[in-house]
Amino acid sequence: MTNPKTYGTRSGRVLTDADVEAMADEVVASDYDVDLLKARRRGRPSMGTGPAEVVPVRIDPELRAAMEARAAADHTTTSELIREALRRFLEVA
């Protein structure tokens, strides 16, 4: 007798062929809008009109310390702090 094939999820749960069949049966028997589920965006939300780009920048230790302190005081991230500073400096939305 052969062992059933197993699949792993991101959370580490192991699914067998029987589990997958049960989930497929549930989808068929329910009112799931498959097109809506497939259209849902995953990942980080977009920040502008297109994909964001990573721009490496060298920062001296004193500026970095000041930036991290300000980000902590404002309850934000250093990335958001840098984006906001650039928007204000360049006067763009």
C-alpha atoms as a PDB file:
ATOM      1  CA  MET A   1       0.000   0.000   0.000  1.00  0.00           C
ATOM      2  CA  THR A   2       1.364   3.434  -0.956  1.00  0.00           C
ATOM      3  CA  ASN A   3       1.463   6.340   1.414  1.00  0.00           C
ATOM      4  CA  PRO A   4      -0.815   9.267   0.513  1.00  0.00           C
ATOM      5  CA  LYS A   5       0.963  12.358  -0.788  1.00  0.00           C
ATOM      6  CA  THR A   6       1.301  15.171   1.731  1.00  0.00           C
ATOM      7  CA  TYR A   7       1.556  18.911   1.246  1.00  0.00           C
ATOM      8  CA  GLY A   8       2.926  21.526   3.608  1.00  0.00           C
ATOM      9  CA  THR A   9       1.422  24.914   4.342  1.00  0.00           C
ATOM     10  CA  ARG A  10       3.338  28.063   5.257  1.00  0.00           C
ATOM     11  CA  SER A  11       2.297  27.601   8.868  1.00  0.00           C
ATOM     12  CA  GLY A  12       3.805  24.113   8.905  1.00  0.00           C
ATOM     13  CA  ARG A  13       0.518  22.197   8.829  1.00  0.00           C
ATOM     14  CA  VAL A  14       0.694  18.964   6.846  1.00  0.00           C
ATOM     15  CA  LEU A  15      -2.158  18.306   4.397  1.00  0.00           C
ATOM     16  CA  THR A  16      -2.882  14.945   2.813  1.00  0.00           C
ATOM     17  CA  ASP A  17      -4.727  14.245  -0.444  1.00  0.00           C
ATOM     18  CA  ALA A  18      -7.832  13.641   1.689  1.00  0.00           C
ATOM     19  CA  ASP A  19      -7.499  17.094   3.281  1.00  0.00           C
ATOM     20  CA  VAL A  20      -7.154  18.732  -0.131  1.00  0.00           C
ATOM     21  CA  GLU A  21     -10.191  16.828  -1.431  1.00  0.00           C
ATOM     22  CA  ALA A  22     -12.239  17.907   1.601  1.00  0.00           C
ATOM     23  CA  MET A  23     -11.293  21.556   1.017  1.00  0.00           C
ATOM     24  CA  ALA A  24     -12.163  21.272  -2.677  1.00  0.00           C
ATOM     25  CA  ASP A  25     -15.536  19.757  -1.789  1.00  0.00           C
ATOM     26  CA  GLU A  26     -16.183  22.635   0.633  1.00  0.00           C
ATOM     27  CA  VAL A  27     -15.433  25.203  -2.074  1.00  0.00           C
ATOM     28  CA  VAL A  28     -17.739  23.484  -4.563  1.00  0.00           C
ATOM     29  CA  ALA A  29     -20.560  23.187  -2.005  1.00  0.00           C
ATOM     30  CA  SER A  30     -20.305  26.781  -0.768  1.00  0.00           C
ATOM     31  CA  ASP A  31     -20.893  30.255  -2.093  1.00  0.00           C
ATOM     32  CA  TYR A  32     -17.201  31.169  -2.391  1.00  0.00           C
ATOM     33  CA  ASP A  33     -16.599  33.756  -5.096  1.00  0.00           C
ATOM     34  CA  VAL A  34     -13.430  32.223  -6.513  1.00  0.00           C
ATOM     35  CA  ASP A  35     -12.754  35.171  -8.839  1.00  0.00           C
ATOM     36  CA  LEU A  36     -12.958  37.585  -5.892  1.00  0.00           C
ATOM     37  CA  LEU A  37     -10.635  35.403  -3.807  1.00  0.00           C
ATOM     38  CA  LYS A  38      -8.119  35.190  -6.644  1.00  0.00           C
ATOM     39  CA  ALA A  39      -8.273  38.962  -7.209  1.00  0.00           C
ATOM     40  CA  ARG A  40      -7.355  39.801  -3.604  1.00  0.00           C
ATOM     41  CA  ARG A  41      -3.981  41.457  -3.424  1.00  0.00           C
ATOM     42  CA  ARG A  42      -1.364  39.910  -1.253  1.00  0.00           C
ATOM     43  CA  GLY A  43       1.791  41.391   0.202  1.00  0.00           C
ATOM     44  CA  ARG A  44       2.566  44.958   1.015  1.00  0.00           C
ATOM     45  CA  PRO A  45       0.178  47.674  -0.097  1.00  0.00           C
ATOM     46  CA  SER A  46       1.448  49.886  -2.880  1.00  0.00           C
ATOM     47  CA  MET A  47       2.804  53.281  -1.870  1.00  0.00           C
ATOM     48  CA  GLY A  48       2.279  55.168  -5.102  1.00  0.00           C
ATOM     49  CA  THR A  49       1.436  54.728  -8.747  1.00  0.00           C
ATOM     50  CA  GLY A  50       3.857  51.852  -9.308  1.00  0.00           C
ATOM     51  CA  PRO A  51       6.077  49.355  -7.574  1.00  0.00           C
ATOM     52  CA  ALA A  52       8.355  50.838  -4.925  1.00  0.00           C
ATOM     53  CA  GLU A  53      12.104  50.744  -5.431  1.00  0.00           C
ATOM     54  CA  VAL A  54      14.769  50.188  -2.794  1.00  0.00           C
ATOM     55  CA  VAL A  55      17.404  52.944  -2.832  1.00  0.00           C
ATOM     56  CA  PRO A  56      20.502  52.240  -0.728  1.00  0.00           C
ATOM     57  CA  VAL A  57      21.894  55.290   1.054  1.00  0.00           C
ATOM     58  CA  ARG A  58      24.916  55.698   3.348  1.00  0.00           C
ATOM     59  CA  ILE A  59      24.129  57.497   6.609  1.00  0.00           C
ATOM     60  CA  ASP A  60      26.633  58.533   9.257  1.00  0.00           C
ATOM     61  CA  PRO A  61      26.152  57.085  12.773  1.00  0.00           C
ATOM     62  CA  GLU A  62      24.974  60.351  14.327  1.00  0.00           C
ATOM     63  CA  LEU A  63      22.314  60.913  11.668  1.00  0.00           C
ATOM     64  CA  ARG A  64      21.208  57.306  11.970  1.00  0.00           C
ATOM     65  CA  ALA A  65      20.880  57.595  15.762  1.00  0.00           C
ATOM     66  CA  ALA A  66      18.855  60.810  15.425  1.00  0.00           C
ATOM     67  CA  MET A  67      16.663  59.219  12.758  1.00  0.00           C
ATOM     68  CA  GLU A  68      15.982  56.119  14.868  1.00  0.00           C
ATOM     69  CA  ALA A  69      15.214  58.241  17.938  1.00  0.00           C
ATOM     70  CA  ARG A  70      12.762  60.393  15.978  1.00  0.00           C
ATOM     71  CA  ALA A  71      11.101  57.349  14.411  1.00  0.00           C
ATOM     72  CA  ALA A  72      10.670  55.788  17.869  1.00  0.00           C
ATOM     73  CA  ALA A  73       9.266  59.045  19.288  1.00  0.00           C
ATOM     74  CA  ASP A  74       6.815  59.315  16.361  1.00  0.00           C
ATOM     75  CA  HIS A  75       5.876  55.604  16.569  1.00  0.00           C
ATOM     76  CA  THR A  76       6.828  55.062  12.952  1.00  0.00           C
ATOM     77  CA  THR A  77       9.536  53.330  10.949  1.00  0.00           C
ATOM     78  CA  THR A  78      12.789  54.813   9.763  1.00  0.00           C
ATOM     79  CA  SER A  79      11.690  54.123   6.174  1.00  0.00           C
ATOM     80  CA  GLU A  80       8.497  56.126   6.615  1.00  0.00           C
ATOM     81  CA  LEU A  81      10.456  58.910   8.316  1.00  0.00           C
ATOM     82  CA  ILE A  82      12.865  59.099   5.357  1.00  0.00           C
ATOM     83  CA  ARG A  83      10.001  59.082   2.830  1.00  0.00           C
ATOM     84  CA  GLU A  84       8.224  61.895   4.692  1.00  0.00           C
ATOM     85  CA  ALA A  85      11.436  63.962   4.949  1.00  0.00           C
ATOM     86  CA  LEU A  86      12.048  63.578   1.206  1.00  0.00           C
ATOM     87  CA  ARG A  87       8.441  64.501   0.372  1.00  0.00           C
ATOM     88  CA  ARG A  88       8.728  67.674   2.470  1.00  0.00           C
ATOM     89  CA  PHE A  89      12.176  68.591   1.098  1.00  0.00           C
ATOM     90  CA  LEU A  90      11.139  68.018  -2.519  1.00  0.00           C
ATOM     91  CA  GLU A  91       7.654  69.450  -1.950  1.00  0.00           C
ATOM     92  CA  VAL A  92       5.844  66.492  -3.492  1.00  0.00           C
ATOM     93  CA  ALA A  93       2.757  64.680  -2.263  1.00  0.00           C
END
